[in-house]
Amino acid sequence: MPHDALPGEPGPIPVDVTRWAAGLPPGAWPAGFAASGTVCRNEVFALAGRWRAREVSSVQLAAGVLAWGHGIRGYGPFRTGRILAREQAGERLEAALSGLRADAVAPAVLEDCYERFTTTAKVPGLGAAFFTKLLYFSGYRRGRGGIQPLILDRVVAGRLPAAAGPAGKYRTAWWTGTWSAYLRWAANQATRPEFGNEPDRVEMALFTGSWTPAFSAHA
């Protein structure tokens, strides 16, 4: 599995595989994932590739993504296990994510997937800060630029300028159109030389605080 960090990524996230596998419903942990005890975004992207090839289930993909997302937080396995054990969790995850298996994902499809997570395919306990992680790893197509799905959590939202739309006004929930406005803004910012036309480098710079768009001519 790839372990090299992406440009701008803070570094590997520690994952206690034994504890995670024990805390989830039977069969939910993806075999071989985070076997080294740490995981970088590239390994999560590799897991998403296995999901697109139907080698792992949507539940297994969610387990890996949420393990990366929770990191060293001690409640991660318990909280994730409770989410994935809910009735119809697997069916709802599949319904929300299935449109992202295509080779190319249009912005309208991204918006539809986001909307599903908030309505018909809502999984109790899975809020936007985590389901945008699922959308990111499932739908991001590296090297293509343009509008790509990105993570939106309270840290990123708190560092967004007004030019990115209303996302910065909220910390726990965002409308579909609010997320979409953030994606469009990030796609524009990604054309800056330091981001190499990769919108997720904008998200990572916001998360780490290494870039302050409020003082940027592009903001």
N, C-alpha and C. Protein backbone atom coordinates (compact mmCIF):
# COMPACT_ATOMS: atom_id res chain seq x y z
N MET A 1 0.83 -1.19 0.00
CA MET A 1 0.00 0.00 0.00
C MET A 1 0.88 1.25 0.00
N PRO A 2 0.46 2.32 -0.69
CA PRO A 2 1.26 3.53 -0.72
C PRO A 2 1.22 4.26 0.62
N HIS A 3 2.38 4.71 1.09
CA HIS A 3 2.46 5.40 2.36
C HIS A 3 3.02 6.81 2.23
N ASP A 4 3.45 7.20 1.06
CA ASP A 4 4.02 8.53 0.89
C ASP A 4 2.94 9.59 1.06
N ALA A 5 3.27 10.62 1.83
CA ALA A 5 2.32 11.71 2.04
C ALA A 5 2.18 12.54 0.77
N LEU A 6 1.00 13.06 0.54
CA LEU A 6 0.78 13.97 -0.57
C LEU A 6 1.41 15.33 -0.26
N PRO A 7 1.72 16.12 -1.29
CA PRO A 7 2.23 17.47 -1.03
C PRO A 7 1.24 18.26 -0.17
N GLY A 8 1.73 18.80 0.93
CA GLY A 8 0.88 19.58 1.82
C GLY A 8 0.23 18.77 2.92
N GLU A 9 0.33 17.44 2.86
CA GLU A 9 -0.28 16.60 3.89
C GLU A 9 0.58 16.62 5.15
N PRO A 10 -0.03 16.78 6.32
CA PRO A 10 0.77 16.86 7.55
C PRO A 10 1.62 15.62 7.81
N GLY A 11 1.15 14.45 7.44
CA GLY A 11 1.91 13.24 7.70
C GLY A 11 0.99 12.07 8.00
N PRO A 12 1.56 10.90 8.33
CA PRO A 12 0.74 9.72 8.57
C PRO A 12 -0.08 9.82 9.86
N ILE A 13 -1.23 9.17 9.83
CA ILE A 13 -2.13 9.13 10.98
C ILE A 13 -1.99 7.76 11.65
N PRO A 14 -1.74 7.70 12.96
CA PRO A 14 -1.65 6.41 13.63
C PRO A 14 -3.01 5.72 13.72
N VAL A 15 -3.04 4.43 13.44
CA VAL A 15 -4.27 3.65 13.51
C VAL A 15 -3.98 2.33 14.22
N ASP A 16 -4.68 2.08 15.31
CA ASP A 16 -4.56 0.81 16.04
C ASP A 16 -5.52 -0.18 15.38
N VAL A 17 -4.99 -0.97 14.46
CA VAL A 17 -5.83 -1.85 13.65
C VAL A 17 -6.59 -2.85 14.52
N THR A 18 -5.93 -3.44 15.50
CA THR A 18 -6.59 -4.43 16.35
C THR A 18 -7.79 -3.84 17.07
N ARG A 19 -7.61 -2.65 17.62
CA ARG A 19 -8.70 -2.00 18.34
C ARG A 19 -9.83 -1.60 17.39
N TRP A 20 -9.49 -1.10 16.22
CA TRP A 20 -10.52 -0.71 15.27
C TRP A 20 -11.30 -1.93 14.79
N ALA A 21 -10.61 -2.98 14.40
CA ALA A 21 -11.31 -4.16 13.89
C ALA A 21 -12.23 -4.76 14.95
N ALA A 22 -11.80 -4.71 16.22
CA ALA A 22 -12.61 -5.27 17.30
C ALA A 22 -13.82 -4.41 17.62
N GLY A 23 -13.74 -3.11 17.33
CA GLY A 23 -14.82 -2.20 17.68
C GLY A 23 -15.90 -2.06 16.62
N LEU A 24 -15.72 -2.70 15.48
CA LEU A 24 -16.66 -2.56 14.37
C LEU A 24 -17.49 -3.82 14.19
N PRO A 25 -18.61 -3.73 13.45
CA PRO A 25 -19.38 -4.93 13.15
C PRO A 25 -18.53 -5.97 12.43
N PRO A 26 -18.84 -7.25 12.55
CA PRO A 26 -18.06 -8.30 11.89
C PRO A 26 -17.90 -8.04 10.39
N GLY A 27 -16.67 -8.13 9.91
CA GLY A 27 -16.39 -7.95 8.49
C GLY A 27 -16.29 -6.52 8.02
N ALA A 28 -16.45 -5.56 8.92
CA ALA A 28 -16.45 -4.16 8.50
C ALA A 28 -15.05 -3.61 8.24
N TRP A 29 -14.04 -4.18 8.91
CA TRP A 29 -12.69 -3.65 8.71
C TRP A 29 -12.11 -4.18 7.40
N PRO A 30 -11.58 -3.29 6.54
CA PRO A 30 -11.02 -3.75 5.26
C PRO A 30 -9.69 -4.46 5.45
N ALA A 31 -9.58 -5.67 4.94
CA ALA A 31 -8.38 -6.47 5.09
C ALA A 31 -7.16 -5.74 4.54
N GLY A 32 -6.08 -5.74 5.32
CA GLY A 32 -4.82 -5.17 4.87
C GLY A 32 -4.68 -3.68 5.06
N PHE A 33 -5.76 -3.01 5.43
CA PHE A 33 -5.71 -1.55 5.55
C PHE A 33 -4.97 -1.14 6.81
N ALA A 34 -4.08 -0.15 6.68
CA ALA A 34 -3.31 0.41 7.81
C ALA A 34 -2.48 -0.66 8.51
N ALA A 35 -2.02 -1.65 7.75
CA ALA A 35 -1.28 -2.76 8.36
C ALA A 35 0.01 -2.30 9.04
N SER A 36 0.56 -1.18 8.61
CA SER A 36 1.80 -0.66 9.20
C SER A 36 1.56 0.06 10.53
N GLY A 37 0.30 0.31 10.85
CA GLY A 37 -0.02 1.05 12.06
C GLY A 37 -0.18 2.54 11.84
N THR A 38 0.08 2.99 10.62
CA THR A 38 -0.15 4.39 10.26
C THR A 38 -0.77 4.41 8.86
N VAL A 39 -1.43 5.52 8.54
CA VAL A 39 -2.05 5.61 7.22
C VAL A 39 -1.98 7.05 6.72
N CYS A 40 -1.61 7.23 5.45
CA CYS A 40 -1.63 8.52 4.78
C CYS A 40 -2.81 8.55 3.79
N ARG A 41 -3.05 9.72 3.25
CA ARG A 41 -4.18 9.86 2.33
C ARG A 41 -4.06 8.91 1.14
N ASN A 42 -2.85 8.69 0.65
CA ASN A 42 -2.70 7.82 -0.51
C ASN A 42 -3.21 6.41 -0.25
N GLU A 43 -3.03 5.92 0.97
CA GLU A 43 -3.54 4.58 1.27
C GLU A 43 -5.06 4.57 1.33
N VAL A 44 -5.64 5.66 1.81
CA VAL A 44 -7.11 5.74 1.81
C VAL A 44 -7.62 5.84 0.38
N PHE A 45 -6.91 6.58 -0.48
CA PHE A 45 -7.29 6.62 -1.89
C PHE A 45 -7.18 5.23 -2.53
N ALA A 46 -6.17 4.46 -2.13
CA ALA A 46 -6.04 3.10 -2.66
C ALA A 46 -7.22 2.24 -2.21
N LEU A 47 -7.67 2.44 -0.98
CA LEU A 47 -8.85 1.72 -0.50
C LEU A 47 -10.08 2.12 -1.30
N ALA A 48 -10.20 3.41 -1.62
CA ALA A 48 -11.33 3.86 -2.44
C ALA A 48 -11.26 3.26 -3.84
N GLY A 49 -10.05 3.06 -4.35
CA GLY A 49 -9.90 2.39 -5.64
C GLY A 49 -10.41 0.96 -5.58
N ARG A 50 -10.15 0.30 -4.47
CA ARG A 50 -10.67 -1.06 -4.29
C ARG A 50 -12.19 -1.04 -4.20
N TRP A 51 -12.73 0.00 -3.59
CA TRP A 51 -14.19 0.13 -3.52
C TRP A 51 -14.78 0.34 -4.91
N ARG A 52 -14.16 1.18 -5.73
CA ARG A 52 -14.68 1.40 -7.08
C ARG A 52 -14.63 0.13 -7.91
N ALA A 53 -13.63 -0.71 -7.62
CA ALA A 53 -13.52 -2.00 -8.32
C ALA A 53 -14.39 -3.08 -7.69
N ARG A 54 -15.16 -2.69 -6.66
CA ARG A 54 -16.08 -3.58 -5.93
C ARG A 54 -15.34 -4.72 -5.22
N GLU A 55 -14.12 -4.44 -4.79
CA GLU A 55 -13.35 -5.41 -4.02
C GLU A 55 -13.60 -5.26 -2.52
N VAL A 56 -14.05 -4.07 -2.11
CA VAL A 56 -14.46 -3.86 -0.72
C VAL A 56 -15.83 -3.19 -0.74
N SER A 57 -16.55 -3.32 0.34
CA SER A 57 -17.90 -2.77 0.41
C SER A 57 -17.88 -1.29 0.81
N SER A 58 -19.02 -0.65 0.71
CA SER A 58 -19.13 0.73 1.15
C SER A 58 -18.92 0.84 2.65
N VAL A 59 -19.33 -0.17 3.40
CA VAL A 59 -19.10 -0.18 4.85
C VAL A 59 -17.61 -0.26 5.14
N GLN A 60 -16.89 -1.11 4.43
CA GLN A 60 -15.45 -1.23 4.63
C GLN A 60 -14.72 0.05 4.24
N LEU A 61 -15.17 0.67 3.16
CA LEU A 61 -14.59 1.96 2.78
C LEU A 61 -14.82 2.98 3.88
N ALA A 62 -16.04 3.05 4.39
CA ALA A 62 -16.35 4.00 5.46
C ALA A 62 -15.51 3.73 6.70
N ALA A 63 -15.28 2.46 7.02
CA ALA A 63 -14.46 2.12 8.18
C ALA A 63 -13.05 2.68 8.04
N GLY A 64 -12.46 2.51 6.86
CA GLY A 64 -11.11 3.01 6.64
C GLY A 64 -11.04 4.52 6.65
N VAL A 65 -12.00 5.15 5.99
CA VAL A 65 -12.01 6.61 5.93
C VAL A 65 -12.21 7.21 7.32
N LEU A 66 -13.13 6.65 8.09
CA LEU A 66 -13.38 7.19 9.42
C LEU A 66 -12.23 6.91 10.38
N ALA A 67 -11.52 5.80 10.19
CA ALA A 67 -10.33 5.55 11.00
C ALA A 67 -9.28 6.61 10.73
N TRP A 68 -9.08 6.93 9.47
CA TRP A 68 -8.15 8.02 9.12
C TRP A 68 -8.65 9.33 9.69
N GLY A 69 -9.94 9.58 9.58
CA GLY A 69 -10.50 10.84 10.03
C GLY A 69 -10.45 11.03 11.53
N HIS A 70 -10.68 9.97 12.28
CA HIS A 70 -10.65 10.08 13.74
C HIS A 70 -9.22 10.12 14.27
N GLY A 71 -8.29 9.47 13.56
CA GLY A 71 -6.91 9.47 14.02
C GLY A 71 -6.76 8.86 15.40
N ILE A 72 -6.10 9.58 16.29
CA ILE A 72 -5.80 9.02 17.61
C ILE A 72 -6.92 9.21 18.61
N ARG A 73 -8.04 9.80 18.20
CA ARG A 73 -9.14 10.00 19.13
C ARG A 73 -9.62 8.65 19.68
N GLY A 74 -9.63 8.51 20.98
CA GLY A 74 -9.94 7.24 21.59
C GLY A 74 -11.35 6.74 21.35
N TYR A 75 -12.28 7.65 21.09
CA TYR A 75 -13.67 7.23 20.88
C TYR A 75 -13.95 6.83 19.44
N GLY A 76 -12.97 6.95 18.55
CA GLY A 76 -13.19 6.67 17.13
C GLY A 76 -13.79 5.32 16.82
N PRO A 77 -13.18 4.22 17.29
CA PRO A 77 -13.75 2.89 16.98
C PRO A 77 -15.16 2.71 17.52
N PHE A 78 -15.42 3.17 18.74
CA PHE A 78 -16.77 3.02 19.31
C PHE A 78 -17.78 3.80 18.51
N ARG A 79 -17.47 5.06 18.22
CA ARG A 79 -18.43 5.90 17.49
C ARG A 79 -18.66 5.36 16.09
N THR A 80 -17.60 4.94 15.42
CA THR A 80 -17.73 4.41 14.06
C THR A 80 -18.51 3.09 14.08
N GLY A 81 -18.20 2.24 15.06
CA GLY A 81 -18.91 0.97 15.16
C GLY A 81 -20.40 1.17 15.34
N ARG A 82 -20.77 2.16 16.14
CA ARG A 82 -22.19 2.44 16.36
C ARG A 82 -22.86 2.92 15.07
N ILE A 83 -22.15 3.75 14.30
CA ILE A 83 -22.70 4.24 13.03
C ILE A 83 -22.90 3.10 12.04
N LEU A 84 -21.87 2.26 11.89
CA LEU A 84 -21.91 1.21 10.87
C LEU A 84 -22.83 0.06 11.25
N ALA A 85 -23.17 -0.04 12.53
CA ALA A 85 -24.08 -1.11 12.97
C ALA A 85 -25.54 -0.72 12.82
N ARG A 86 -25.81 0.52 12.47
CA ARG A 86 -27.20 0.96 12.34
C ARG A 86 -27.90 0.23 11.19
N GLU A 87 -29.19 0.05 11.35
CA GLU A 87 -29.98 -0.64 10.33
C GLU A 87 -29.87 0.10 9.00
N GLN A 88 -29.61 -0.63 7.95
CA GLN A 88 -29.49 -0.12 6.58
C GLN A 88 -28.30 0.80 6.37
N ALA A 89 -27.31 0.81 7.26
CA ALA A 89 -26.14 1.68 7.08
C ALA A 89 -25.43 1.35 5.77
N GLY A 90 -25.24 0.07 5.50
CA GLY A 90 -24.55 -0.32 4.27
C GLY A 90 -25.30 0.11 3.02
N GLU A 91 -26.62 -0.11 3.02
CA GLU A 91 -27.43 0.26 1.86
C GLU A 91 -27.43 1.77 1.65
N ARG A 92 -27.48 2.52 2.73
CA ARG A 92 -27.50 3.98 2.60
C ARG A 92 -26.16 4.53 2.15
N LEU A 93 -25.08 3.97 2.67
CA LEU A 93 -23.76 4.40 2.21
C LEU A 93 -23.60 4.12 0.71
N GLU A 94 -24.03 2.95 0.29
CA GLU A 94 -23.93 2.60 -1.13
C GLU A 94 -24.79 3.53 -1.97
N ALA A 95 -25.98 3.84 -1.51
CA ALA A 95 -26.87 4.72 -2.26
C ALA A 95 -26.28 6.12 -2.41
N ALA A 96 -25.61 6.59 -1.37
CA ALA A 96 -25.05 7.94 -1.41
C ALA A 96 -23.78 8.01 -2.23
N LEU A 97 -23.01 6.93 -2.27
CA LEU A 97 -21.68 6.97 -2.90
C LEU A 97 -21.62 6.36 -4.29
N SER A 98 -22.60 5.59 -4.68
CA SER A 98 -22.49 4.79 -5.91
C SER A 98 -22.19 5.62 -7.16
N GLY A 99 -22.67 6.86 -7.20
CA GLY A 99 -22.41 7.70 -8.37
C GLY A 99 -20.97 8.09 -8.53
N LEU A 100 -20.14 7.81 -7.53
CA LEU A 100 -18.73 8.20 -7.58
C LEU A 100 -17.82 7.10 -8.10
N ARG A 101 -18.41 6.00 -8.55
CA ARG A 101 -17.57 4.95 -9.13
C ARG A 101 -17.16 5.27 -10.57
N ALA A 102 -17.79 6.22 -11.20
CA ALA A 102 -17.49 6.55 -12.60
C ALA A 102 -16.08 7.11 -12.73
N ASP A 103 -15.51 6.97 -13.91
CA ASP A 103 -14.16 7.48 -14.15
C ASP A 103 -14.11 8.99 -14.02
N ALA A 104 -15.14 9.66 -14.49
CA ALA A 104 -15.23 11.12 -14.37
C ALA A 104 -16.51 11.46 -13.61
N VAL A 105 -16.40 12.39 -12.67
CA VAL A 105 -17.53 12.74 -11.83
C VAL A 105 -17.88 14.21 -12.04
N ALA A 106 -19.06 14.47 -12.56
CA ALA A 106 -19.50 15.84 -12.82
C ALA A 106 -19.90 16.53 -11.53
N PRO A 107 -19.79 17.86 -11.48
CA PRO A 107 -20.21 18.60 -10.27
C PRO A 107 -21.64 18.30 -9.84
N ALA A 108 -22.54 18.11 -10.80
CA ALA A 108 -23.93 17.80 -10.46
C ALA A 108 -24.04 16.47 -9.71
N VAL A 109 -23.18 15.52 -10.05
CA VAL A 109 -23.18 14.23 -9.36
C VAL A 109 -22.67 14.40 -7.93
N LEU A 110 -21.64 15.21 -7.77
CA LEU A 110 -21.13 15.49 -6.43
C LEU A 110 -22.21 16.09 -5.55
N GLU A 111 -22.94 17.05 -6.11
CA GLU A 111 -24.01 17.69 -5.35
C GLU A 111 -25.11 16.69 -5.00
N ASP A 112 -25.42 15.81 -5.93
CA ASP A 112 -26.45 14.80 -5.67
C ASP A 112 -26.02 13.86 -4.55
N CYS A 113 -24.75 13.45 -4.56
CA CYS A 113 -24.25 12.55 -3.52
C CYS A 113 -24.29 13.24 -2.15
N TYR A 114 -23.90 14.51 -2.12
CA TYR A 114 -23.94 15.26 -0.86
C TYR A 114 -25.39 15.34 -0.37
N GLU A 115 -26.28 15.67 -1.28
CA GLU A 115 -27.70 15.82 -0.91
C GLU A 115 -28.26 14.50 -0.37
N ARG A 116 -27.86 13.39 -0.94
CA ARG A 116 -28.35 12.09 -0.47
C ARG A 116 -27.95 11.84 0.98
N PHE A 117 -26.71 12.25 1.31
CA PHE A 117 -26.23 12.05 2.68
C PHE A 117 -27.04 12.86 3.69
N THR A 118 -27.72 13.89 3.22
CA THR A 118 -28.50 14.73 4.13
C THR A 118 -29.99 14.41 4.09
N THR A 119 -30.40 13.56 3.14
CA THR A 119 -31.82 13.27 2.99
C THR A 119 -32.09 11.76 2.90
N THR A 120 -32.26 11.24 1.69
CA THR A 120 -32.73 9.86 1.50
C THR A 120 -31.75 8.80 1.97
N ALA A 121 -30.45 9.10 1.97
CA ALA A 121 -29.44 8.12 2.38
C ALA A 121 -28.71 8.55 3.65
N LYS A 122 -29.37 9.36 4.45
CA LYS A 122 -28.74 9.85 5.68
C LYS A 122 -28.45 8.69 6.62
N VAL A 123 -27.22 8.66 7.15
CA VAL A 123 -26.83 7.64 8.13
C VAL A 123 -26.72 8.34 9.48
N PRO A 124 -27.59 8.02 10.44
CA PRO A 124 -27.54 8.68 11.74
C PRO A 124 -26.15 8.62 12.37
N GLY A 125 -25.68 9.75 12.84
CA GLY A 125 -24.36 9.83 13.46
C GLY A 125 -23.25 10.22 12.52
N LEU A 126 -23.54 10.18 11.21
CA LEU A 126 -22.52 10.51 10.22
C LEU A 126 -22.79 11.92 9.70
N GLY A 127 -22.09 12.90 10.29
CA GLY A 127 -22.30 14.28 9.91
C GLY A 127 -21.44 14.70 8.73
N ALA A 128 -21.63 15.94 8.31
CA ALA A 128 -20.94 16.44 7.11
C ALA A 128 -19.43 16.40 7.23
N ALA A 129 -18.88 16.65 8.42
CA ALA A 129 -17.43 16.65 8.58
C ALA A 129 -16.82 15.30 8.21
N PHE A 130 -17.61 14.22 8.38
CA PHE A 130 -17.11 12.90 8.04
C PHE A 130 -17.63 12.40 6.70
N PHE A 131 -18.88 12.71 6.35
CA PHE A 131 -19.31 12.20 5.04
C PHE A 131 -18.65 12.96 3.90
N THR A 132 -18.17 14.20 4.13
CA THR A 132 -17.39 14.86 3.07
C THR A 132 -16.03 14.19 2.91
N LYS A 133 -15.54 13.54 3.95
CA LYS A 133 -14.31 12.75 3.80
C LYS A 133 -14.57 11.56 2.88
N LEU A 134 -15.73 10.93 3.05
CA LEU A 134 -16.10 9.82 2.17
C LEU A 134 -16.25 10.30 0.72
N LEU A 135 -16.90 11.43 0.54
CA LEU A 135 -17.06 11.98 -0.81
C LEU A 135 -15.70 12.33 -1.42
N TYR A 136 -14.82 12.86 -0.61
CA TYR A 136 -13.48 13.24 -1.09
C TYR A 136 -12.71 12.03 -1.59
N PHE A 137 -12.57 11.03 -0.74
CA PHE A 137 -11.76 9.88 -1.13
C PHE A 137 -12.40 9.06 -2.26
N SER A 138 -13.73 9.03 -2.31
CA SER A 138 -14.41 8.26 -3.35
C SER A 138 -14.43 8.98 -4.69
N GLY A 139 -14.56 10.31 -4.65
CA GLY A 139 -14.81 11.04 -5.89
C GLY A 139 -13.69 11.89 -6.43
N TYR A 140 -12.63 12.10 -5.66
CA TYR A 140 -11.54 12.96 -6.13
C TYR A 140 -10.77 12.26 -7.25
N ARG A 141 -10.48 13.01 -8.32
CA ARG A 141 -9.72 12.47 -9.45
C ARG A 141 -8.47 13.33 -9.63
N ARG A 142 -7.36 12.81 -9.11
CA ARG A 142 -6.11 13.57 -9.10
C ARG A 142 -5.57 13.81 -10.50
N GLY A 143 -5.02 15.00 -10.70
CA GLY A 143 -4.42 15.35 -11.98
C GLY A 143 -5.37 15.97 -12.97
N ARG A 144 -6.62 16.15 -12.58
CA ARG A 144 -7.61 16.69 -13.51
C ARG A 144 -8.03 18.12 -13.19
N GLY A 145 -7.74 18.59 -11.99
CA GLY A 145 -8.12 19.95 -11.63
C GLY A 145 -9.62 20.14 -11.64
N GLY A 146 -10.04 21.39 -11.72
CA GLY A 146 -11.46 21.69 -11.76
C GLY A 146 -12.14 21.41 -10.43
N ILE A 147 -13.46 21.31 -10.47
CA ILE A 147 -14.24 21.10 -9.25
C ILE A 147 -14.09 19.65 -8.80
N GLN A 148 -13.61 19.49 -7.58
CA GLN A 148 -13.40 18.18 -6.99
C GLN A 148 -14.04 18.15 -5.61
N PRO A 149 -14.47 16.97 -5.14
CA PRO A 149 -15.04 16.89 -3.79
C PRO A 149 -13.95 17.11 -2.75
N LEU A 150 -14.26 17.88 -1.71
CA LEU A 150 -13.28 18.20 -0.68
C LEU A 150 -13.89 18.05 0.70
N ILE A 151 -13.03 17.83 1.66
CA ILE A 151 -13.43 17.75 3.06
C ILE A 151 -13.83 19.13 3.55
N LEU A 152 -14.93 19.18 4.29
CA LEU A 152 -15.35 20.42 4.94
C LEU A 152 -15.67 20.10 6.39
N ASP A 153 -14.82 20.56 7.30
CA ASP A 153 -15.06 20.39 8.72
C ASP A 153 -14.96 21.74 9.41
N ARG A 154 -15.07 21.77 10.73
CA ARG A 154 -15.10 23.03 11.44
C ARG A 154 -13.77 23.78 11.33
N VAL A 155 -12.65 23.06 11.21
CA VAL A 155 -11.35 23.73 11.09
C VAL A 155 -11.26 24.44 9.75
N VAL A 156 -11.56 23.72 8.68
CA VAL A 156 -11.50 24.31 7.34
C VAL A 156 -12.51 25.45 7.23
N ALA A 157 -13.73 25.22 7.67
CA ALA A 157 -14.76 26.26 7.58
C ALA A 157 -14.35 27.53 8.30
N GLY A 158 -13.70 27.35 9.45
CA GLY A 158 -13.30 28.50 10.24
C GLY A 158 -12.23 29.36 9.60
N ARG A 159 -11.60 28.84 8.54
CA ARG A 159 -10.53 29.57 7.87
C ARG A 159 -10.90 30.01 6.46
N LEU A 160 -12.17 29.81 6.10
CA LEU A 160 -12.62 30.21 4.77
C LEU A 160 -12.98 31.69 4.73
N PRO A 161 -12.63 32.37 3.64
CA PRO A 161 -13.01 33.77 3.49
C PRO A 161 -14.43 33.88 2.95
N ALA A 162 -14.97 35.07 2.95
CA ALA A 162 -16.33 35.29 2.44
C ALA A 162 -16.43 34.90 0.97
N ALA A 163 -15.33 35.03 0.23
CA ALA A 163 -15.35 34.69 -1.19
C ALA A 163 -15.66 33.23 -1.45
N ALA A 164 -15.49 32.37 -0.42
CA ALA A 164 -15.77 30.94 -0.58
C ALA A 164 -17.23 30.61 -0.35
N GLY A 165 -18.05 31.63 -0.17
CA GLY A 165 -19.46 31.39 0.09
C GLY A 165 -19.74 31.38 1.59
N PRO A 166 -20.93 30.95 1.98
CA PRO A 166 -21.34 31.04 3.39
C PRO A 166 -20.83 29.94 4.30
N ALA A 167 -19.99 29.03 3.82
CA ALA A 167 -19.56 27.89 4.65
C ALA A 167 -18.91 28.34 5.94
N GLY A 168 -18.17 29.44 5.90
CA GLY A 168 -17.47 29.91 7.07
C GLY A 168 -18.36 30.38 8.20
N LYS A 169 -19.64 30.54 7.93
CA LYS A 169 -20.58 31.00 8.96
C LYS A 169 -21.02 29.85 9.87
N TYR A 170 -20.73 28.60 9.47
CA TYR A 170 -21.23 27.44 10.21
C TYR A 170 -20.07 26.53 10.59
N ARG A 171 -20.30 25.65 11.56
CA ARG A 171 -19.24 24.77 12.04
C ARG A 171 -19.62 23.28 12.05
N THR A 172 -20.89 22.96 11.95
CA THR A 172 -21.28 21.55 12.05
C THR A 172 -22.15 21.06 10.90
N ALA A 173 -22.78 21.93 10.17
CA ALA A 173 -23.66 21.49 9.08
C ALA A 173 -23.68 22.54 7.98
N TRP A 174 -23.73 22.03 6.74
CA TRP A 174 -23.71 22.94 5.59
C TRP A 174 -24.70 22.43 4.55
N TRP A 175 -25.40 23.38 3.89
CA TRP A 175 -26.30 23.02 2.80
C TRP A 175 -25.48 22.51 1.62
N THR A 176 -26.12 21.76 0.75
CA THR A 176 -25.45 21.26 -0.45
C THR A 176 -24.86 22.41 -1.26
N GLY A 177 -25.62 23.46 -1.48
CA GLY A 177 -25.13 24.59 -2.25
C GLY A 177 -23.97 25.30 -1.58
N THR A 178 -23.93 25.28 -0.25
CA THR A 178 -22.81 25.88 0.49
C THR A 178 -21.53 25.11 0.24
N TRP A 179 -21.62 23.78 0.31
CA TRP A 179 -20.46 22.94 0.00
C TRP A 179 -20.02 23.15 -1.44
N SER A 180 -20.97 23.21 -2.36
CA SER A 180 -20.65 23.39 -3.77
C SER A 180 -19.95 24.72 -4.02
N ALA A 181 -20.36 25.78 -3.34
CA ALA A 181 -19.70 27.08 -3.49
C ALA A 181 -18.25 27.01 -3.02
N TYR A 182 -18.02 26.30 -1.94
CA TYR A 182 -16.66 26.09 -1.43
C TYR A 182 -15.81 25.33 -2.44
N LEU A 183 -16.39 24.32 -3.09
CA LEU A 183 -15.65 23.55 -4.10
C LEU A 183 -15.26 24.43 -5.28
N ARG A 184 -16.16 25.28 -5.72
CA ARG A 184 -15.86 26.17 -6.85
C ARG A 184 -14.75 27.15 -6.48
N TRP A 185 -14.83 27.68 -5.28
CA TRP A 185 -13.79 28.61 -4.82
C TRP A 185 -12.43 27.91 -4.74
N ALA A 186 -12.41 26.70 -4.18
CA ALA A 186 -11.16 25.95 -4.05
C ALA A 186 -10.57 25.61 -5.42
N ALA A 187 -11.42 25.27 -6.39
CA ALA A 187 -10.95 24.98 -7.75
C ALA A 187 -10.24 26.19 -8.34
N ASN A 188 -10.78 27.37 -8.08
CA ASN A 188 -10.15 28.60 -8.56
C ASN A 188 -8.81 28.85 -7.85
N GLN A 189 -8.80 28.65 -6.54
CA GLN A 189 -7.57 28.85 -5.78
C GLN A 189 -6.48 27.85 -6.18
N ALA A 190 -6.90 26.66 -6.59
CA ALA A 190 -5.95 25.62 -6.95
C ALA A 190 -5.10 25.97 -8.16
N THR A 191 -5.51 26.95 -8.94
CA THR A 191 -4.72 27.37 -10.10
C THR A 191 -3.50 28.18 -9.70
N ARG A 192 -3.42 28.57 -8.43
CA ARG A 192 -2.21 29.24 -7.94
C ARG A 192 -1.02 28.29 -8.06
N PRO A 193 0.16 28.77 -8.40
CA PRO A 193 1.31 27.89 -8.63
C PRO A 193 1.63 26.96 -7.46
N GLU A 194 1.45 27.44 -6.25
CA GLU A 194 1.83 26.61 -5.09
C GLU A 194 0.90 25.43 -4.87
N PHE A 195 -0.26 25.43 -5.52
CA PHE A 195 -1.20 24.33 -5.33
C PHE A 195 -1.24 23.35 -6.50
N GLY A 196 -0.54 23.65 -7.59
CA GLY A 196 -0.40 22.69 -8.68
C GLY A 196 -1.70 22.22 -9.29
N ASN A 197 -2.74 23.04 -9.26
CA ASN A 197 -4.04 22.70 -9.82
C ASN A 197 -4.68 21.48 -9.15
N GLU A 198 -4.38 21.30 -7.87
CA GLU A 198 -5.01 20.23 -7.07
C GLU A 198 -5.82 20.88 -5.95
N PRO A 199 -7.13 20.90 -6.06
CA PRO A 199 -7.95 21.55 -5.03
C PRO A 199 -7.75 21.02 -3.62
N ASP A 200 -7.38 19.75 -3.48
CA ASP A 200 -7.22 19.26 -2.11
C ASP A 200 -5.99 19.85 -1.42
N ARG A 201 -5.07 20.39 -2.20
CA ARG A 201 -3.95 21.09 -1.57
C ARG A 201 -4.41 22.40 -0.94
N VAL A 202 -5.47 22.98 -1.50
CA VAL A 202 -6.08 24.16 -0.88
C VAL A 202 -6.70 23.77 0.46
N GLU A 203 -7.46 22.67 0.46
CA GLU A 203 -8.07 22.19 1.71
C GLU A 203 -7.01 21.88 2.75
N MET A 204 -5.92 21.21 2.37
CA MET A 204 -4.88 20.87 3.33
C MET A 204 -4.20 22.12 3.88
N ALA A 205 -3.99 23.11 3.02
CA ALA A 205 -3.36 24.36 3.47
C ALA A 205 -4.26 25.09 4.47
N LEU A 206 -5.56 25.03 4.24
CA LEU A 206 -6.50 25.62 5.18
C LEU A 206 -6.48 24.86 6.51
N PHE A 207 -6.50 23.54 6.42
CA PHE A 207 -6.56 22.72 7.63
C PHE A 207 -5.32 22.92 8.50
N THR A 208 -4.16 22.94 7.88
CA THR A 208 -2.92 23.08 8.64
C THR A 208 -2.64 24.53 9.04
N GLY A 209 -3.34 25.48 8.40
CA GLY A 209 -3.10 26.88 8.69
C GLY A 209 -1.86 27.43 8.02
N SER A 210 -1.34 26.70 7.03
CA SER A 210 -0.12 27.14 6.35
C SER A 210 -0.38 28.23 5.31
N TRP A 211 -1.65 28.50 5.06
CA TRP A 211 -2.03 29.54 4.09
C TRP A 211 -3.25 30.27 4.60
N THR A 212 -3.24 31.58 4.49
CA THR A 212 -4.37 32.39 4.96
C THR A 212 -4.98 33.12 3.77
N PRO A 213 -6.07 32.57 3.21
CA PRO A 213 -6.63 33.16 1.99
C PRO A 213 -7.14 34.59 2.15
N ALA A 214 -7.44 34.99 3.37
CA ALA A 214 -7.94 36.35 3.57
C ALA A 214 -6.92 37.40 3.13
N PHE A 215 -5.63 37.02 3.11
CA PHE A 215 -4.60 37.95 2.73
C PHE A 215 -4.08 37.66 1.32
N SER A 216 -4.82 36.83 0.59
CA SER A 216 -4.40 36.47 -0.77
C SER A 216 -5.12 37.32 -1.80
N ALA A 217 -4.42 37.65 -2.86
CA ALA A 217 -5.04 38.44 -3.93
C ALA A 217 -6.14 37.64 -4.63
N HIS A 218 -6.12 36.30 -4.49
CA HIS A 218 -7.11 35.46 -5.15
C HIS A 218 -8.33 35.23 -4.28
N ALA A 219 -8.28 35.66 -3.04
CA ALA A 219 -9.37 35.35 -2.12
C ALA A 219 -10.62 36.13 -2.46
